[in-house]
Structure formats: structure tokens, C-alpha cells
Protein backbone atom coordinates (compact mmCIF):
# COMPACT_ATOMS: atom_id res chain seq x y z
CA MET A 1 -95.41 154.36 -3.85
CA SER A 2 -92.53 153.41 -7.25
CA ASN A 3 -96.23 151.85 -8.68
CA PHE A 4 -97.92 154.87 -7.99
CA ILE A 5 -95.86 156.95 -9.72
CA THR A 6 -95.81 154.68 -12.76
CA ILE A 7 -99.47 154.87 -12.90
CA ILE A 8 -99.19 158.52 -12.64
CA GLU A 9 -96.76 158.71 -15.51
CA LYS A 10 -98.92 156.47 -17.29
CA ALA A 11 -101.82 158.43 -16.97
CA LEU A 12 -100.12 162.09 -18.13
CA LYS A 13 -98.55 160.28 -21.11
CA GLU A 14 -101.98 159.23 -22.20
CA SER A 15 -104.02 162.03 -20.57
CA LYS A 16 -106.01 159.99 -19.30
CA ILE A 17 -108.66 160.43 -16.45
CA ILE A 18 -107.47 158.48 -13.13
CA SER A 19 -109.14 158.39 -9.56
CA VAL A 20 -107.67 159.18 -6.75
CA TYR A 21 -107.88 158.19 -2.99
CA ASP A 22 -106.28 159.46 -0.25
CA GLU A 23 -108.63 159.53 2.80
CA GLN A 24 -107.20 156.69 4.72
CA ASN A 25 -110.55 156.89 6.75
CA ASN A 26 -113.22 156.52 3.87
CA SER A 27 -112.16 154.54 0.64
CA ASN A 28 -115.20 155.36 -0.67
CA VAL A 29 -113.78 159.47 -1.04
CA PHE A 30 -111.40 160.16 -4.45
CA SER A 31 -111.21 162.84 -6.36
CA ALA A 32 -111.00 162.49 -10.20
CA GLY A 33 -109.29 164.00 -13.26
CA ILE A 34 -106.25 164.19 -15.70
CA VAL A 35 -102.82 164.49 -13.96
CA LYS A 36 -100.92 167.62 -14.98
CA GLY A 37 -97.67 167.25 -13.54
CA PHE A 38 -95.98 165.82 -10.74
CA THR A 39 -92.81 165.04 -8.27
CA LYS A 40 -91.86 162.87 -6.23
CA ASP A 41 -93.57 164.43 -3.25
CA GLU A 42 -96.62 165.98 -5.35
CA LEU A 43 -99.47 164.96 -7.94
CA VAL A 44 -101.06 168.15 -9.72
CA LEU A 45 -104.50 166.95 -10.61
CA LYS A 46 -107.17 169.44 -13.13
CA LYS A 47 -110.36 167.75 -10.71
CA LEU A 48 -113.54 166.72 -12.63
CA ASN A 49 -116.46 167.26 -10.66
CA LYS A 50 -119.43 164.90 -10.30
CA GLU A 51 -120.89 166.25 -13.83
CA GLY A 52 -117.47 165.59 -15.41
CA LYS A 53 -116.59 168.88 -15.81
CA PHE A 54 -113.17 170.48 -14.86
CA ASP A 55 -113.19 172.25 -11.43
CA GLY A 56 -110.22 173.78 -10.92
CA THR A 57 -106.36 172.00 -10.12
CA MET A 58 -105.80 170.59 -6.63
CA VAL A 59 -102.19 169.81 -5.45
CA MET A 60 -101.90 166.52 -3.29
CA LYS A 61 -98.85 164.69 -1.82
CA ILE A 62 -97.94 161.10 -3.06
CA ASP A 63 -97.25 159.73 0.32
CA ASP A 64 -100.96 161.03 1.05
CA ILE A 65 -102.40 158.45 -1.71
CA ILE A 66 -103.92 154.85 -0.78
CA ARG A 67 -104.94 153.65 -4.29
CA ILE A 68 -105.21 155.01 -7.72
CA GLN A 69 -107.69 153.83 -10.16
CA TYR A 70 -107.33 154.37 -13.76
CA ASP A 71 -108.24 153.43 -16.77
CA GLY A 72 -111.42 151.82 -14.74
CA ILE A 73 -108.97 149.02 -13.20
């Protein structure tokens, strides 16, 4: 989990888009967006829709994250 926090901190600082995977049963499902803030327990993401337009804000639990794709990696 500390690796996720490091990635989230970097994405917030650099305003980079991240993809966050939190579905244990479907590794193809993710939410993409820009980090607006976080705590040790939660991530606040300004979501992008499939067309690349901002589509609201979501909050997710850090413990639910199974993978983060940052800067195409």
C-alpha cells in the first residue's frame, strides 16, 4: 500500500492522469482521472469519462486499490 501512496503523491504533485483499478473480480475495470487529494485511507479523484472529459469527483478507499497505472506504466 505504501507504494500506492508514493504514486498518488507524485501524481498529485505533477497533476498527472492515473488509472485506478479496484475491482478484484475484473482487472479490466478502472477509473481514470487526476488526483485532487488523499489521506492514508482515501483517494479523491477528479474522474475522466471515456471521451476524456471530466465527469465528477469520486472517493475510493486506498485499501480497495489493487493496481495504479501512472504515466502509462
